[in-house]
Amino acid sequence: MTAIALSVSTVKPLGDRVFIKVSESEEKTAGGIFLPDSAKEKPQVGEIVAVGPGKRNDDGIYQTIDIAVGDKVLYSKYAGTDVKLGTEEYVLLSEKDILAIVS
C-alpha cells in the first residue's frame, strides 16, 4: 500500500461540497483564563479554500454555489468531515451545512 501526499492544492471537492480551513479556537476566556486543549470548543468559523462545481439538477446542469474561495463562513457545529493536512485543520462539508457568510 502506498502513501498519498495530500495538500490543499490537490484536494478538489465534488458536487456541492466545500473545503474549509478551520479558524483557530480561543486560547483564553474573556476573563483572561487560559483554556487547555481539552476544554476548547470546536470552532464553527472558517475560510473557504476550495469549492466543488455544484450540484447537478434534473437536466444535468450544475447549479452554482453561492460562496467563493476566500469567503469566511459560519457552519454547523458537527457537520462535515475533519481533515488534518500537516499542522492545519480543515473541514470538508456540503453547501447546505453552511449557515452564513461572515464579513
N, C-alpha and C. Protein backbone atom coordinates (compact mmCIF):
# COMPACT_ATOMS: atom_id res chain seq x y z
N MET A 1 0.85 -1.18 0.00
CA MET A 1 0.00 0.00 0.00
C MET A 1 0.89 1.24 0.00
N THR A 2 0.61 2.19 -0.88
CA THR A 2 1.42 3.39 -0.96
C THR A 2 0.74 4.54 -0.24
N ALA A 3 1.56 5.45 0.27
CA ALA A 3 1.02 6.62 0.96
C ALA A 3 0.77 7.72 -0.06
N ILE A 4 -0.30 8.45 0.16
CA ILE A 4 -0.65 9.56 -0.72
C ILE A 4 -0.37 10.86 0.01
N ALA A 5 0.38 11.75 -0.60
CA ALA A 5 0.68 13.04 -0.01
C ALA A 5 -0.41 14.03 -0.42
N LEU A 6 -1.17 14.49 0.54
CA LEU A 6 -2.24 15.44 0.26
C LEU A 6 -1.81 16.84 0.63
N SER A 7 -2.26 17.80 -0.14
CA SER A 7 -2.09 19.20 0.19
C SER A 7 -3.36 19.91 -0.22
N VAL A 8 -3.50 21.15 0.18
CA VAL A 8 -4.71 21.89 -0.14
C VAL A 8 -4.90 21.99 -1.65
N SER A 9 -3.82 22.14 -2.39
CA SER A 9 -3.92 22.28 -3.85
C SER A 9 -4.33 20.97 -4.53
N THR A 10 -4.16 19.83 -3.88
CA THR A 10 -4.53 18.55 -4.51
C THR A 10 -5.93 18.10 -4.13
N VAL A 11 -6.60 18.80 -3.23
CA VAL A 11 -7.95 18.41 -2.82
C VAL A 11 -8.96 19.22 -3.62
N LYS A 12 -9.82 18.55 -4.39
CA LYS A 12 -10.86 19.19 -5.18
C LYS A 12 -12.20 18.60 -4.76
N PRO A 13 -13.04 19.39 -4.06
CA PRO A 13 -14.34 18.87 -3.62
C PRO A 13 -15.24 18.51 -4.80
N LEU A 14 -16.08 17.52 -4.61
CA LEU A 14 -17.02 17.09 -5.65
C LEU A 14 -18.42 17.61 -5.33
N GLY A 15 -19.23 17.76 -6.36
CA GLY A 15 -20.62 18.17 -6.18
C GLY A 15 -20.75 19.52 -5.49
N ASP A 16 -21.62 19.57 -4.48
CA ASP A 16 -21.86 20.83 -3.77
C ASP A 16 -21.05 20.92 -2.48
N ARG A 17 -19.92 20.24 -2.43
CA ARG A 17 -19.09 20.27 -1.22
C ARG A 17 -18.06 21.38 -1.29
N VAL A 18 -17.64 21.84 -0.10
CA VAL A 18 -16.62 22.88 0.01
C VAL A 18 -15.56 22.42 1.01
N PHE A 19 -14.35 22.94 0.85
CA PHE A 19 -13.22 22.62 1.71
C PHE A 19 -12.89 23.88 2.49
N ILE A 20 -12.95 23.80 3.82
CA ILE A 20 -12.81 24.97 4.68
C ILE A 20 -11.61 24.83 5.60
N LYS A 21 -10.79 25.90 5.68
CA LYS A 21 -9.71 25.95 6.66
C LYS A 21 -10.32 26.45 7.97
N VAL A 22 -10.19 25.67 9.02
CA VAL A 22 -10.79 25.98 10.31
C VAL A 22 -10.02 27.11 10.98
N SER A 23 -10.75 28.09 11.52
CA SER A 23 -10.13 29.18 12.27
C SER A 23 -9.64 28.66 13.60
N GLU A 24 -8.64 29.34 14.15
CA GLU A 24 -8.10 28.95 15.45
C GLU A 24 -9.15 29.14 16.54
N SER A 25 -9.19 28.22 17.50
CA SER A 25 -10.11 28.36 18.63
C SER A 25 -9.52 29.31 19.66
N GLU A 26 -10.38 29.82 20.50
CA GLU A 26 -9.97 30.78 21.52
C GLU A 26 -9.00 30.13 22.51
N GLU A 27 -7.91 30.83 22.80
CA GLU A 27 -6.90 30.34 23.73
C GLU A 27 -7.26 30.66 25.19
N LYS A 28 -8.03 31.77 25.38
CA LYS A 28 -8.39 32.14 26.75
C LYS A 28 -9.79 32.72 26.78
N THR A 29 -10.38 32.76 27.95
CA THR A 29 -11.73 33.28 28.13
C THR A 29 -11.70 34.80 28.15
N ALA A 30 -12.87 35.43 28.16
CA ALA A 30 -12.96 36.88 28.23
C ALA A 30 -12.37 37.40 29.54
N GLY A 31 -12.40 36.59 30.57
CA GLY A 31 -11.84 36.98 31.87
C GLY A 31 -10.33 36.78 31.97
N GLY A 32 -9.72 36.21 30.92
CA GLY A 32 -8.27 36.06 30.90
C GLY A 32 -7.76 34.70 31.33
N ILE A 33 -8.65 33.72 31.54
CA ILE A 33 -8.23 32.39 31.96
C ILE A 33 -7.86 31.58 30.71
N PHE A 34 -6.65 31.02 30.69
CA PHE A 34 -6.20 30.21 29.56
C PHE A 34 -6.88 28.85 29.59
N LEU A 35 -7.31 28.39 28.42
CA LEU A 35 -8.03 27.13 28.30
C LEU A 35 -7.10 26.00 27.85
N PRO A 36 -7.16 24.84 28.49
CA PRO A 36 -6.40 23.69 27.99
C PRO A 36 -7.06 23.15 26.72
N ASP A 37 -6.34 22.36 25.94
CA ASP A 37 -6.89 21.83 24.69
C ASP A 37 -8.17 21.04 24.90
N SER A 38 -8.28 20.35 26.01
CA SER A 38 -9.47 19.52 26.25
C SER A 38 -10.71 20.36 26.54
N ALA A 39 -10.56 21.62 26.92
CA ALA A 39 -11.70 22.46 27.25
C ALA A 39 -12.13 23.36 26.10
N LYS A 40 -11.37 23.38 25.02
CA LYS A 40 -11.69 24.24 23.89
C LYS A 40 -12.83 23.64 23.09
N GLU A 41 -13.73 24.51 22.62
CA GLU A 41 -14.82 24.06 21.77
C GLU A 41 -14.35 24.05 20.32
N LYS A 42 -14.97 23.19 19.53
CA LYS A 42 -14.65 23.13 18.11
C LYS A 42 -15.12 24.44 17.45
N PRO A 43 -14.24 25.12 16.73
CA PRO A 43 -14.65 26.37 16.08
C PRO A 43 -15.68 26.10 14.98
N GLN A 44 -16.52 27.09 14.73
CA GLN A 44 -17.54 26.97 13.70
C GLN A 44 -17.33 27.99 12.59
N VAL A 45 -16.19 28.65 12.57
CA VAL A 45 -15.90 29.66 11.56
C VAL A 45 -14.65 29.22 10.80
N GLY A 46 -14.66 29.42 9.50
CA GLY A 46 -13.51 29.07 8.70
C GLY A 46 -13.51 29.80 7.38
N GLU A 47 -12.43 29.61 6.63
CA GLU A 47 -12.27 30.26 5.33
C GLU A 47 -12.34 29.22 4.23
N ILE A 48 -13.10 29.50 3.19
CA ILE A 48 -13.25 28.59 2.06
C ILE A 48 -11.94 28.55 1.28
N VAL A 49 -11.39 27.35 1.07
CA VAL A 49 -10.15 27.21 0.30
C VAL A 49 -10.38 26.48 -1.03
N ALA A 50 -11.49 25.76 -1.17
CA ALA A 50 -11.82 25.09 -2.43
C ALA A 50 -13.33 24.86 -2.48
N VAL A 51 -13.88 24.96 -3.68
CA VAL A 51 -15.33 24.81 -3.89
C VAL A 51 -15.55 23.82 -5.02
N GLY A 52 -16.51 22.93 -4.84
CA GLY A 52 -16.86 21.98 -5.89
C GLY A 52 -17.64 22.66 -7.00
N PRO A 53 -17.93 21.95 -8.09
CA PRO A 53 -18.64 22.55 -9.23
C PRO A 53 -20.11 22.85 -8.98
N GLY A 54 -20.69 22.27 -7.96
CA GLY A 54 -22.11 22.47 -7.66
C GLY A 54 -22.88 21.18 -7.83
N LYS A 55 -24.12 21.23 -7.42
CA LYS A 55 -24.98 20.05 -7.50
C LYS A 55 -25.67 20.02 -8.87
N ARG A 56 -25.80 18.85 -9.44
CA ARG A 56 -26.49 18.73 -10.74
C ARG A 56 -28.00 18.74 -10.52
N ASN A 57 -28.70 19.46 -11.37
CA ASN A 57 -30.16 19.43 -11.31
C ASN A 57 -30.68 18.29 -12.20
N ASP A 58 -31.98 18.19 -12.38
CA ASP A 58 -32.56 17.09 -13.14
C ASP A 58 -32.17 17.11 -14.62
N ASP A 59 -31.79 18.28 -15.13
CA ASP A 59 -31.38 18.40 -16.54
C ASP A 59 -29.91 18.09 -16.74
N GLY A 60 -29.17 17.82 -15.66
CA GLY A 60 -27.75 17.52 -15.75
C GLY A 60 -26.86 18.74 -15.73
N ILE A 61 -27.45 19.91 -15.47
CA ILE A 61 -26.69 21.15 -15.43
C ILE A 61 -26.31 21.44 -13.97
N TYR A 62 -25.06 21.91 -13.78
CA TYR A 62 -24.61 22.24 -12.43
C TYR A 62 -25.27 23.52 -11.93
N GLN A 63 -25.77 23.50 -10.69
CA GLN A 63 -26.27 24.70 -10.04
C GLN A 63 -25.09 25.31 -9.31
N THR A 64 -24.82 26.58 -9.56
CA THR A 64 -23.64 27.21 -8.97
C THR A 64 -23.80 27.36 -7.46
N ILE A 65 -22.68 27.37 -6.78
CA ILE A 65 -22.64 27.53 -5.32
C ILE A 65 -22.54 29.01 -5.01
N ASP A 66 -23.25 29.47 -3.98
CA ASP A 66 -23.33 30.89 -3.64
C ASP A 66 -22.11 31.44 -2.93
N ILE A 67 -21.14 30.60 -2.62
CA ILE A 67 -19.94 31.07 -1.93
C ILE A 67 -18.73 30.90 -2.82
N ALA A 68 -17.66 31.61 -2.49
CA ALA A 68 -16.45 31.56 -3.31
C ALA A 68 -15.23 31.36 -2.43
N VAL A 69 -14.13 30.99 -3.04
CA VAL A 69 -12.87 30.82 -2.33
C VAL A 69 -12.49 32.16 -1.69
N GLY A 70 -12.10 32.10 -0.41
CA GLY A 70 -11.72 33.30 0.32
C GLY A 70 -12.81 33.82 1.25
N ASP A 71 -14.06 33.36 1.08
CA ASP A 71 -15.15 33.79 1.96
C ASP A 71 -14.96 33.19 3.35
N LYS A 72 -15.25 33.97 4.39
CA LYS A 72 -15.29 33.44 5.76
C LYS A 72 -16.72 33.04 6.03
N VAL A 73 -16.91 31.83 6.54
CA VAL A 73 -18.26 31.31 6.74
C VAL A 73 -18.45 30.74 8.14
N LEU A 74 -19.70 30.70 8.54
CA LEU A 74 -20.13 30.06 9.78
C LEU A 74 -20.83 28.78 9.38
N TYR A 75 -20.42 27.64 9.95
CA TYR A 75 -21.00 26.36 9.56
C TYR A 75 -21.50 25.60 10.78
N SER A 76 -22.32 24.59 10.55
CA SER A 76 -22.90 23.78 11.62
C SER A 76 -21.82 23.12 12.45
N LYS A 77 -22.08 23.00 13.73
CA LYS A 77 -21.07 22.54 14.70
C LYS A 77 -20.54 21.14 14.41
N TYR A 78 -21.41 20.19 14.12
CA TYR A 78 -20.97 18.81 13.94
C TYR A 78 -21.08 18.36 12.50
N ALA A 79 -21.03 19.28 11.56
CA ALA A 79 -21.16 18.95 10.15
C ALA A 79 -19.81 18.60 9.53
N GLY A 80 -19.86 17.84 8.47
CA GLY A 80 -18.68 17.59 7.66
C GLY A 80 -17.72 16.56 8.19
N THR A 81 -16.61 16.45 7.47
CA THR A 81 -15.55 15.51 7.81
C THR A 81 -14.29 16.30 8.12
N ASP A 82 -13.71 16.06 9.29
CA ASP A 82 -12.49 16.75 9.70
C ASP A 82 -11.30 16.13 8.98
N VAL A 83 -10.43 17.00 8.45
CA VAL A 83 -9.23 16.56 7.72
C VAL A 83 -8.06 17.36 8.25
N LYS A 84 -6.95 16.68 8.55
CA LYS A 84 -5.75 17.37 9.02
C LYS A 84 -4.66 17.18 7.98
N LEU A 85 -4.17 18.30 7.44
CA LEU A 85 -3.07 18.28 6.47
C LEU A 85 -1.90 19.02 7.09
N GLY A 86 -0.87 18.29 7.44
CA GLY A 86 0.27 18.90 8.15
C GLY A 86 -0.18 19.33 9.54
N THR A 87 -0.02 20.61 9.84
CA THR A 87 -0.46 21.12 11.15
C THR A 87 -1.78 21.86 11.05
N GLU A 88 -2.30 22.03 9.84
CA GLU A 88 -3.55 22.77 9.62
C GLU A 88 -4.75 21.83 9.67
N GLU A 89 -5.88 22.35 10.17
CA GLU A 89 -7.11 21.58 10.23
C GLU A 89 -8.12 22.13 9.22
N TYR A 90 -8.80 21.22 8.55
CA TYR A 90 -9.78 21.57 7.53
C TYR A 90 -11.05 20.77 7.77
N VAL A 91 -12.14 21.23 7.14
CA VAL A 91 -13.41 20.52 7.18
C VAL A 91 -13.94 20.44 5.75
N LEU A 92 -14.36 19.25 5.36
CA LEU A 92 -14.99 19.05 4.06
C LEU A 92 -16.47 18.85 4.33
N LEU A 93 -17.31 19.77 3.82
CA LEU A 93 -18.73 19.67 4.10
C LEU A 93 -19.57 20.12 2.92
N SER A 94 -20.85 19.82 3.00
CA SER A 94 -21.80 20.16 1.96
C SER A 94 -22.22 21.63 2.08
N GLU A 95 -22.61 22.23 0.98
CA GLU A 95 -23.03 23.63 0.98
C GLU A 95 -24.20 23.86 1.93
N LYS A 96 -25.08 22.88 2.09
CA LYS A 96 -26.26 23.06 2.95
C LYS A 96 -25.89 23.20 4.42
N ASP A 97 -24.67 22.80 4.81
CA ASP A 97 -24.24 22.92 6.20
C ASP A 97 -23.65 24.28 6.52
N ILE A 98 -23.51 25.14 5.52
CA ILE A 98 -23.01 26.49 5.74
C ILE A 98 -24.18 27.37 6.13
N LEU A 99 -24.06 28.05 7.26
CA LEU A 99 -25.15 28.84 7.80
C LEU A 99 -25.12 30.29 7.36
N ALA A 100 -23.92 30.89 7.25
CA ALA A 100 -23.82 32.31 6.92
C ALA A 100 -22.43 32.66 6.43
N ILE A 101 -22.34 33.75 5.68
CA ILE A 101 -21.06 34.32 5.30
C ILE A 101 -20.75 35.42 6.31
N VAL A 102 -19.57 35.39 6.89
CA VAL A 102 -19.16 36.35 7.92
C VAL A 102 -18.29 37.40 7.26
N SER A 103 -18.63 38.69 7.48
CA SER A 103 -17.81 39.75 6.88
C SER A 103 -16.78 40.30 7.84
